[in-house]
Amino acid sequence: MLSNSLTEPLSCFLLHQGTLNVRINVLFLLDSLCETSLYVGLPDAPYVDYVTRDLAKIVELVVPESREGVLNLLSAKQVSLKRESEEGGERS
């Protein structure tokens, strides 16, 4: 079941269960899922819109405001920049 807000189930998992490594892997999974869905042109892929809409919140969960968060910062920026460039190109 897919929630209207992608961050509700993700925030619960990422904040309470996920290590920093798990958090960045979830971000990479979401990125890959969205990229493949856009490439294939899946019409029933609402999670792409959810990820795009909630990307800032997801990144906040993956890169916490602590010293430990720095470990995921560069990777999260790469995914975020990639998503923004795709949004400007393919999704316009």
PDB file of N, CA and C in Angstrom:
ATOM      1  N   MET A   1       0.841  -1.176   0.000  1.00  0.00           N
ATOM      2  CA  MET A   1       0.000   0.000   0.000  1.00  0.00           C
ATOM      3  C   MET A   1       0.885   1.236   0.000  1.00  0.00           C
ATOM      4  N   LEU A   2       0.547   2.185  -0.869  1.00  0.00           N
ATOM      5  CA  LEU A   2       1.348   3.379  -1.027  1.00  0.00           C
ATOM      6  C   LEU A   2       0.671   4.554  -0.349  1.00  0.00           C
ATOM      7  N   SER A   3       1.387   5.218   0.518  1.00  0.00           N
ATOM      8  CA  SER A   3       0.845   6.352   1.243  1.00  0.00           C
ATOM      9  C   SER A   3       0.842   7.587   0.360  1.00  0.00           C
ATOM     10  N   ASN A   4      -0.046   8.539   0.661  1.00  0.00           N
ATOM     11  CA  ASN A   4      -0.046   9.810  -0.049  1.00  0.00           C
ATOM     12  C   ASN A   4       1.253  10.558   0.157  1.00  0.00           C
ATOM     13  N   SER A   5       1.865  10.353   1.289  1.00  0.00           N
ATOM     14  CA  SER A   5       3.141  10.983   1.577  1.00  0.00           C
ATOM     15  C   SER A   5       4.196   9.893   1.683  1.00  0.00           C
ATOM     16  N   LEU A   6       5.131   9.947   0.783  1.00  0.00           N
ATOM     17  CA  LEU A   6       6.198   8.954   0.764  1.00  0.00           C
ATOM     18  C   LEU A   6       7.039   9.035   2.025  1.00  0.00           C
ATOM     19  N   THR A   7       7.145  10.223   2.600  1.00  0.00           N
ATOM     20  CA  THR A   7       8.036  10.391   3.740  1.00  0.00           C
ATOM     21  C   THR A   7       7.495   9.800   5.029  1.00  0.00           C
ATOM     22  N   GLU A   8       6.197   9.553   5.125  1.00  0.00           N
ATOM     23  CA  GLU A   8       5.662   8.980   6.366  1.00  0.00           C
ATOM     24  C   GLU A   8       6.272   7.610   6.676  1.00  0.00           C
ATOM     25  N   PRO A   9       6.139   6.622   5.780  1.00  0.00           N
ATOM     26  CA  PRO A   9       6.762   5.333   6.093  1.00  0.00           C
ATOM     27  C   PRO A   9       8.277   5.393   6.045  1.00  0.00           C
ATOM     28  N   LEU A  10       8.830   6.188   5.143  1.00  0.00           N
ATOM     29  CA  LEU A  10      10.287   6.292   5.053  1.00  0.00           C
ATOM     30  C   LEU A  10      10.887   6.943   6.282  1.00  0.00           C
ATOM     31  N   SER A  11      10.259   8.000   6.768  1.00  0.00           N
ATOM     32  CA  SER A  11      10.818   8.685   7.930  1.00  0.00           C
ATOM     33  C   SER A  11      10.825   7.774   9.142  1.00  0.00           C
ATOM     34  N   CYS A  12       9.779   6.998   9.302  1.00  0.00           N
ATOM     35  CA  CYS A  12       9.726   6.055  10.413  1.00  0.00           C
ATOM     36  C   CYS A  12      10.881   5.062  10.303  1.00  0.00           C
ATOM     37  N   PHE A  13      11.056   4.497   9.128  1.00  0.00           N
ATOM     38  CA  PHE A  13      12.121   3.519   8.918  1.00  0.00           C
ATOM     39  C   PHE A  13      13.495   4.161   9.038  1.00  0.00           C
ATOM     40  N   LEU A  14      13.705   5.261   8.346  1.00  0.00           N
ATOM     41  CA  LEU A  14      15.033   5.873   8.298  1.00  0.00           C
ATOM     42  C   LEU A  14      15.463   6.447   9.644  1.00  0.00           C
ATOM     43  N   LEU A  15      14.527   7.009  10.376  1.00  0.00           N
ATOM     44  CA  LEU A  15      14.893   7.625  11.658  1.00  0.00           C
ATOM     45  C   LEU A  15      15.063   6.604  12.771  1.00  0.00           C
ATOM     46  N   HIS A  16      14.283   5.532  12.735  1.00  0.00           N
ATOM     47  CA  HIS A  16      14.281   4.610  13.863  1.00  0.00           C
ATOM     48  C   HIS A  16      15.004   3.295  13.598  1.00  0.00           C
ATOM     49  N   GLN A  17      15.127   2.909  12.346  1.00  0.00           N
ATOM     50  CA  GLN A  17      15.717   1.613  12.038  1.00  0.00           C
ATOM     51  C   GLN A  17      17.014   1.711  11.232  1.00  0.00           C
ATOM     52  N   GLY A  18      17.100   2.704  10.379  1.00  0.00           N
ATOM     53  CA  GLY A  18      18.179   2.730   9.407  1.00  0.00           C
ATOM     54  C   GLY A  18      19.479   3.336   9.891  1.00  0.00           C
ATOM     55  N   THR A  19      20.559   2.631   9.635  1.00  0.00           N
ATOM     56  CA  THR A  19      21.880   3.199   9.851  1.00  0.00           C
ATOM     57  C   THR A  19      22.147   4.173   8.704  1.00  0.00           C
ATOM     58  N   LEU A  20      23.239   4.901   8.798  1.00  0.00           N
ATOM     59  CA  LEU A  20      23.582   5.823   7.714  1.00  0.00           C
ATOM     60  C   LEU A  20      23.759   5.083   6.395  1.00  0.00           C
ATOM     61  N   ASN A  21      24.341   3.909   6.442  1.00  0.00           N
ATOM     62  CA  ASN A  21      24.524   3.127   5.233  1.00  0.00           C
ATOM     63  C   ASN A  21      23.179   2.699   4.647  1.00  0.00           C
ATOM     64  N   VAL A  22      22.275   2.262   5.479  1.00  0.00           N
ATOM     65  CA  VAL A  22      20.943   1.875   5.010  1.00  0.00           C
ATOM     66  C   VAL A  22      20.236   3.088   4.415  1.00  0.00           C
ATOM     67  N   ARG A  23      20.368   4.234   5.057  1.00  0.00           N
ATOM     68  CA  ARG A  23      19.696   5.441   4.572  1.00  0.00           C
ATOM     69  C   ARG A  23      20.149   5.810   3.166  1.00  0.00           C
ATOM     70  N   ILE A  24      21.454   5.804   2.925  1.00  0.00           N
ATOM     71  CA  ILE A  24      21.940   6.191   1.593  1.00  0.00           C
ATOM     72  C   ILE A  24      21.555   5.124   0.567  1.00  0.00           C
ATOM     73  N   ASN A  25      21.528   3.871   0.984  1.00  0.00           N
ATOM     74  CA  ASN A  25      21.105   2.810   0.062  1.00  0.00           C
ATOM     75  C   ASN A  25      19.636   2.944  -0.316  1.00  0.00           C
ATOM     76  N   VAL A  26      18.796   3.358   0.615  1.00  0.00           N
ATOM     77  CA  VAL A  26      17.380   3.602   0.303  1.00  0.00           C
ATOM     78  C   VAL A  26      17.267   4.749  -0.701  1.00  0.00           C
ATOM     79  N   LEU A  27      18.078   5.788  -0.529  1.00  0.00           N
ATOM     80  CA  LEU A  27      18.054   6.900  -1.474  1.00  0.00           C
ATOM     81  C   LEU A  27      18.479   6.436  -2.868  1.00  0.00           C
ATOM     82  N   PHE A  28      19.528   5.615  -2.939  1.00  0.00           N
ATOM     83  CA  PHE A  28      19.963   5.082  -4.231  1.00  0.00           C
ATOM     84  C   PHE A  28      18.884   4.193  -4.849  1.00  0.00           C
ATOM     85  N   LEU A  29      18.204   3.407  -4.031  1.00  0.00           N
ATOM     86  CA  LEU A  29      17.119   2.563  -4.525  1.00  0.00           C
ATOM     87  C   LEU A  29      16.002   3.410  -5.121  1.00  0.00           C
ATOM     88  N   LEU A  30      15.595   4.449  -4.406  1.00  0.00           N
ATOM     89  CA  LEU A  30      14.545   5.337  -4.909  1.00  0.00           C
ATOM     90  C   LEU A  30      14.974   6.008  -6.207  1.00  0.00           C
ATOM     91  N   ASP A  31      16.224   6.437  -6.260  1.00  0.00           N
ATOM     92  CA  ASP A  31      16.743   7.078  -7.461  1.00  0.00           C
ATOM     93  C   ASP A  31      16.701   6.120  -8.651  1.00  0.00           C
ATOM     94  N   SER A  32      17.159   4.908  -8.437  1.00  0.00           N
ATOM     95  CA  SER A  32      17.169   3.913  -9.508  1.00  0.00           C
ATOM     96  C   SER A  32      15.757   3.560  -9.952  1.00  0.00           C
ATOM     97  N   LEU A  33      14.855   3.412  -8.996  1.00  0.00           N
ATOM     98  CA  LEU A  33      13.467   3.092  -9.302  1.00  0.00           C
ATOM     99  C   LEU A  33      12.831   4.194 -10.147  1.00  0.00           C
ATOM    100  N   CYS A  34      13.058   5.432  -9.762  1.00  0.00           N
ATOM    101  CA  CYS A  34      12.488   6.559 -10.506  1.00  0.00           C
ATOM    102  C   CYS A  34      13.112   6.681 -11.889  1.00  0.00           C
ATOM    103  N   GLU A  35      14.421   6.541 -11.965  1.00  0.00           N
ATOM    104  CA  GLU A  35      15.109   6.642 -13.245  1.00  0.00           C
ATOM    105  C   GLU A  35      14.614   5.583 -14.224  1.00  0.00           C
ATOM    106  N   THR A  36      14.493   4.357 -13.758  1.00  0.00           N
ATOM    107  CA  THR A  36      14.020   3.269 -14.614  1.00  0.00           C
ATOM    108  C   THR A  36      12.569   3.492 -15.024  1.00  0.00           C
ATOM    109  N   SER A  37      11.747   3.943 -14.095  1.00  0.00           N
ATOM    110  CA  SER A  37      10.339   4.184 -14.397  1.00  0.00           C
ATOM    111  C   SER A  37      10.175   5.268 -15.452  1.00  0.00           C
ATOM    112  N   LEU A  38      10.982   6.325 -15.348  1.00  0.00           N
ATOM    113  CA  LEU A  38      10.907   7.393 -16.336  1.00  0.00           C
ATOM    114  C   LEU A  38      11.417   6.921 -17.692  1.00  0.00           C
ATOM    115  N   TYR A  39      12.463   6.127 -17.688  1.00  0.00           N
ATOM    116  CA  TYR A  39      13.040   5.623 -18.932  1.00  0.00           C
ATOM    117  C   TYR A  39      12.071   4.694 -19.656  1.00  0.00           C
ATOM    118  N   VAL A  40      11.442   3.806 -18.898  1.00  0.00           N
ATOM    119  CA  VAL A  40      10.506   2.841 -19.475  1.00  0.00           C
ATOM    120  C   VAL A  40       9.167   3.505 -19.787  1.00  0.00           C
ATOM    121  N   GLY A  41       8.867   4.583 -19.071  1.00  0.00           N
ATOM    122  CA  GLY A  41       7.620   5.290 -19.290  1.00  0.00           C
ATOM    123  C   GLY A  41       6.432   4.642 -18.622  1.00  0.00           C
ATOM    124  N   LEU A  42       6.634   4.163 -17.409  1.00  0.00           N
ATOM    125  CA  LEU A  42       5.534   3.514 -16.688  1.00  0.00           C
ATOM    126  C   LEU A  42       4.451   4.540 -16.331  1.00  0.00           C
ATOM    127  N   PRO A  43       3.236   4.358 -16.839  1.00  0.00           N
ATOM    128  CA  PRO A  43       2.168   5.310 -16.536  1.00  0.00           C
ATOM    129  C   PRO A  43       1.652   5.183 -15.094  1.00  0.00           C
ATOM    130  N   ASP A  44       1.769   4.003 -14.517  1.00  0.00           N
ATOM    131  CA  ASP A  44       1.273   3.775 -13.161  1.00  0.00           C
ATOM    132  C   ASP A  44       2.421   3.784 -12.162  1.00  0.00           C
ATOM    133  N   ALA A  45       3.165   4.855 -12.133  1.00  0.00           N
ATOM    134  CA  ALA A  45       4.309   4.968 -11.238  1.00  0.00           C
ATOM    135  C   ALA A  45       4.194   6.260 -10.433  1.00  0.00           C
ATOM    136  N   PRO A  46       3.196   6.351  -9.551  1.00  0.00           N
ATOM    137  CA  PRO A  46       3.004   7.599  -8.802  1.00  0.00           C
ATOM    138  C   PRO A  46       4.143   7.919  -7.849  1.00  0.00           C
ATOM    139  N   TYR A  47       4.937   6.913  -7.489  1.00  0.00           N
ATOM    140  CA  TYR A  47       6.038   7.150  -6.562  1.00  0.00           C
ATOM    141  C   TYR A  47       7.068   8.103  -7.137  1.00  0.00           C
ATOM    142  N   VAL A  48       7.159   8.224  -8.465  1.00  0.00           N
ATOM    143  CA  VAL A  48       8.084   9.187  -9.065  1.00  0.00           C
ATOM    144  C   VAL A  48       7.683  10.602  -8.647  1.00  0.00           C
ATOM    145  N   ASP A  49       6.395  10.892  -8.719  1.00  0.00           N
ATOM    146  CA  ASP A  49       5.921  12.208  -8.284  1.00  0.00           C
ATOM    147  C   ASP A  49       6.123  12.398  -6.782  1.00  0.00           C
ATOM    148  N   TYR A  50       5.901  11.338  -6.012  1.00  0.00           N
ATOM    149  CA  TYR A  50       6.096  11.427  -4.561  1.00  0.00           C
ATOM    150  C   TYR A  50       7.557  11.689  -4.222  1.00  0.00           C
ATOM    151  N   VAL A  51       8.465  10.980  -4.879  1.00  0.00           N
ATOM    152  CA  VAL A  51       9.892  11.176  -4.608  1.00  0.00           C
ATOM    153  C   VAL A  51      10.302  12.591  -5.005  1.00  0.00           C
ATOM    154  N   THR A  52       9.849  13.042  -6.164  1.00  0.00           N
ATOM    155  CA  THR A  52      10.184  14.392  -6.615  1.00  0.00           C
ATOM    156  C   THR A  52       9.656  15.428  -5.637  1.00  0.00           C
ATOM    157  N   ARG A  53       8.429  15.262  -5.227  1.00  0.00           N
ATOM    158  CA  ARG A  53       7.810  16.208  -4.307  1.00  0.00           C
ATOM    159  C   ARG A  53       8.487  16.200  -2.935  1.00  0.00           C
ATOM    160  N   ASP A  54       8.838  15.017  -2.444  1.00  0.00           N
ATOM    161  CA  ASP A  54       9.367  14.875  -1.091  1.00  0.00           C
ATOM    162  C   ASP A  54      10.890  14.755  -1.029  1.00  0.00           C
ATOM    163  N   LEU A  55      11.567  15.050  -2.134  1.00  0.00           N
ATOM    164  CA  LEU A  55      13.014  14.834  -2.187  1.00  0.00           C
ATOM    165  C   LEU A  55      13.764  15.589  -1.095  1.00  0.00           C
ATOM    166  N   ALA A  56      13.397  16.820  -0.846  1.00  0.00           N
ATOM    167  CA  ALA A  56      14.098  17.601   0.186  1.00  0.00           C
ATOM    168  C   ALA A  56      13.969  16.931   1.557  1.00  0.00           C
ATOM    169  N   LYS A  57      12.782  16.446   1.884  1.00  0.00           N
ATOM    170  CA  LYS A  57      12.565  15.774   3.173  1.00  0.00           C
ATOM    171  C   LYS A  57      13.328  14.448   3.233  1.00  0.00           C
ATOM    172  N   ILE A  58      13.336  13.718   2.126  1.00  0.00           N
ATOM    173  CA  ILE A  58      14.062  12.446   2.086  1.00  0.00           C
ATOM    174  C   ILE A  58      15.545  12.693   2.314  1.00  0.00           C
ATOM    175  N   VAL A  59      16.083  13.714   1.653  1.00  0.00           N
ATOM    176  CA  VAL A  59      17.502  14.044   1.827  1.00  0.00           C
ATOM    177  C   VAL A  59      17.787  14.448   3.270  1.00  0.00           C
ATOM    178  N   GLU A  60      16.878  15.170   3.890  1.00  0.00           N
ATOM    179  CA  GLU A  60      17.049  15.533   5.307  1.00  0.00           C
ATOM    180  C   GLU A  60      17.142  14.288   6.188  1.00  0.00           C
ATOM    181  N   LEU A  61      16.375  13.265   5.853  1.00  0.00           N
ATOM    182  CA  LEU A  61      16.401  12.024   6.626  1.00  0.00           C
ATOM    183  C   LEU A  61      17.677  11.227   6.368  1.00  0.00           C
ATOM    184  N   VAL A  62      18.166  11.288   5.140  1.00  0.00           N
ATOM    185  CA  VAL A  62      19.357  10.537   4.765  1.00  0.00           C
ATOM    186  C   VAL A  62      20.622  11.226   5.270  1.00  0.00           C
ATOM    187  N   VAL A  63      20.585  12.561   5.312  1.00  0.00           N
ATOM    188  CA  VAL A  63      21.740  13.349   5.751  1.00  0.00           C
ATOM    189  C   VAL A  63      21.329  14.138   7.002  1.00  0.00           C
ATOM    190  N   PRO A  64      21.398  13.511   8.163  1.00  0.00           N
ATOM    191  CA  PRO A  64      20.991  14.207   9.385  1.00  0.00           C
ATOM    192  C   PRO A  64      21.935  15.364   9.709  1.00  0.00           C
ATOM    193  N   GLU A  65      21.412  16.323  10.450  1.00  0.00           N
ATOM    194  CA  GLU A  65      22.212  17.491  10.838  1.00  0.00           C
ATOM    195  C   GLU A  65      23.105  17.146  12.023  1.00  0.00           C
ATOM    196  N   SER A  66      24.040  16.275  11.782  1.00  0.00           N
ATOM    197  CA  SER A  66      25.002  15.887  12.807  1.00  0.00           C
ATOM    198  C   SER A  66      26.330  15.619  12.114  1.00  0.00           C
ATOM    199  N   ARG A  67      27.336  15.392  12.898  1.00  0.00           N
ATOM    200  CA  ARG A  67      28.642  15.073  12.305  1.00  0.00           C
ATOM    201  C   ARG A  67      28.559  13.830  11.431  1.00  0.00           C
ATOM    202  N   GLU A  68      27.762  12.874  11.850  1.00  0.00           N
ATOM    203  CA  GLU A  68      27.620  11.633  11.097  1.00  0.00           C
ATOM    204  C   GLU A  68      26.981  11.864   9.726  1.00  0.00           C
ATOM    205  N   GLY A  69      26.129  12.866   9.630  1.00  0.00           N
ATOM    206  CA  GLY A  69      25.441  13.145   8.376  1.00  0.00           C
ATOM    207  C   GLY A  69      26.369  13.508   7.239  1.00  0.00           C
ATOM    208  N   VAL A  70      27.540  14.013   7.571  1.00  0.00           N
ATOM    209  CA  VAL A  70      28.518  14.401   6.550  1.00  0.00           C
ATOM    210  C   VAL A  70      28.914  13.200   5.694  1.00  0.00           C
ATOM    211  N   LEU A  71      28.868  12.012   6.271  1.00  0.00           N
ATOM    212  CA  LEU A  71      29.246  10.805   5.535  1.00  0.00           C
ATOM    213  C   LEU A  71      28.357  10.575   4.312  1.00  0.00           C
ATOM    214  N   ASN A  72      27.102  10.970   4.379  1.00  0.00           N
ATOM    215  CA  ASN A  72      26.168  10.757   3.275  1.00  0.00           C
ATOM    216  C   ASN A  72      25.982  11.994   2.398  1.00  0.00           C
ATOM    217  N   LEU A  73      26.588  13.096   2.769  1.00  0.00           N
ATOM    218  CA  LEU A  73      26.313  14.368   2.106  1.00  0.00           C
ATOM    219  C   LEU A  73      26.648  14.350   0.616  1.00  0.00           C
ATOM    220  N   LEU A  74      27.835  13.954   0.249  1.00  0.00           N
ATOM    221  CA  LEU A  74      28.243  13.993  -1.155  1.00  0.00           C
ATOM    222  C   LEU A  74      27.374  13.083  -2.018  1.00  0.00           C
ATOM    223  N   SER A  75      27.125  11.874  -1.552  1.00  0.00           N
ATOM    224  CA  SER A  75      26.292  10.942  -2.324  1.00  0.00           C
ATOM    225  C   SER A  75      24.871  11.469  -2.475  1.00  0.00           C
ATOM    226  N   ALA A  76      24.321  12.035  -1.424  1.00  0.00           N
ATOM    227  CA  ALA A  76      22.963  12.569  -1.483  1.00  0.00           C
ATOM    228  C   ALA A  76      22.893  13.758  -2.437  1.00  0.00           C
ATOM    229  N   LYS A  77      23.927  14.580  -2.450  1.00  0.00           N
ATOM    230  CA  LYS A  77      23.953  15.713  -3.381  1.00  0.00           C
ATOM    231  C   LYS A  77      23.969  15.225  -4.820  1.00  0.00           C
ATOM    232  N   GLN A  78      24.713  14.175  -5.094  1.00  0.00           N
ATOM    233  CA  GLN A  78      24.772  13.634  -6.453  1.00  0.00           C
ATOM    234  C   GLN A  78      23.404  13.144  -6.907  1.00  0.00           C
ATOM    235  N   VAL A  79      22.700  12.455  -6.042  1.00  0.00           N
ATOM    236  CA  VAL A  79      21.360  11.968  -6.379  1.00  0.00           C
ATOM    237  C   VAL A  79      20.410  13.141  -6.548  1.00  0.00           C
ATOM    238  N   SER A  80      20.483  14.113  -5.654  1.00  0.00           N
ATOM    239  CA  SER A  80      19.604  15.266  -5.696  1.00  0.00           C
ATOM    240  C   SER A  80      19.820  16.081  -6.973  1.00  0.00           C
ATOM    241  N   LEU A  81      21.060  16.323  -7.334  1.00  0.00           N
ATOM    242  CA  LEU A  81      21.356  17.079  -8.548  1.00  0.00           C
ATOM    243  C   LEU A  81      20.915  16.317  -9.793  1.00  0.00           C
ATOM    244  N   LYS A  82      21.113  15.015  -9.775  1.00  0.00           N
ATOM    245  CA  LYS A  82      20.690  14.178 -10.889  1.00  0.00           C
ATOM    246  C   LYS A  82      19.170  14.247 -11.057  1.00  0.00           C
ATOM    247  N   ARG A  83      18.443  14.161  -9.955  1.00  0.00           N
ATOM    248  CA  ARG A  83      16.979  14.215  -9.993  1.00  0.00           C
ATOM    249  C   ARG A  83      16.517  15.575 -10.510  1.00  0.00           C
ATOM    250  N   GLU A  84      17.154  16.660 -10.066  1.00  0.00           N
ATOM    251  CA  GLU A  84      16.761  17.995 -10.504  1.00  0.00           C
ATOM    252  C   GLU A  84      17.014  18.177 -11.994  1.00  0.00           C
ATOM    253  N   SER A  85      18.121  17.655 -12.526  1.00  0.00           N
ATOM    254  CA  SER A  85      18.403  17.783 -13.948  1.00  0.00           C
ATOM    255  C   SER A  85      17.414  16.966 -14.771  1.00  0.00           C
ATOM    256  N   GLU A  86      17.020  15.798 -14.290  1.00  0.00           N
ATOM    257  CA  GLU A  86      16.012  14.989 -14.989  1.00  0.00           C
ATOM    258  C   GLU A  86      14.667  15.679 -14.961  1.00  0.00           C
ATOM    259  N   GLU A  87      14.352  16.298 -13.846  1.00  0.00           N
ATOM    260  CA  GLU A  87      13.084  16.993 -13.704  1.00  0.00           C
ATOM    261  C   GLU A  87      12.995  18.141 -14.703  1.00  0.00           C
ATOM    262  N   GLY A  88      14.089  18.833 -14.906  1.00  0.00           N
ATOM    263  CA  GLY A  88      14.121  19.940 -15.842  1.00  0.00           C
ATOM    264  C   GLY A  88      14.088  19.488 -17.283  1.00  0.00           C
ATOM    265  N   GLY A  89      14.629  18.309 -17.570  1.00  0.00           N
ATOM    266  CA  GLY A  89      14.715  17.819 -18.940  1.00  0.00           C
ATOM    267  C   GLY A  89      13.533  16.965 -19.346  1.00  0.00           C
ATOM    268  N   GLU A  90      13.433  15.785 -18.775  1.00  0.00           N
ATOM    269  CA  GLU A  90      12.425  14.806 -19.197  1.00  0.00           C
ATOM    270  C   GLU A  90      11.027  15.136 -18.710  1.00  0.00           C
ATOM    271  N   ARG A  91      10.904  15.719 -17.554  1.00  0.00           N
ATOM    272  CA  ARG A  91       9.585  15.839 -16.929  1.00  0.00           C
ATOM    273  C   ARG A  91       8.931  17.179 -17.201  1.00  0.00           C
ATOM    274  N   SER A  92       9.490  18.027 -18.050  1.00  0.00           N
ATOM    275  CA  SER A  92       8.921  19.358 -18.253  1.00  0.00           C
ATOM    276  C   SER A  92       7.658  19.359 -19.056  1.00  0.00           C
TER     277      SER A  92
END
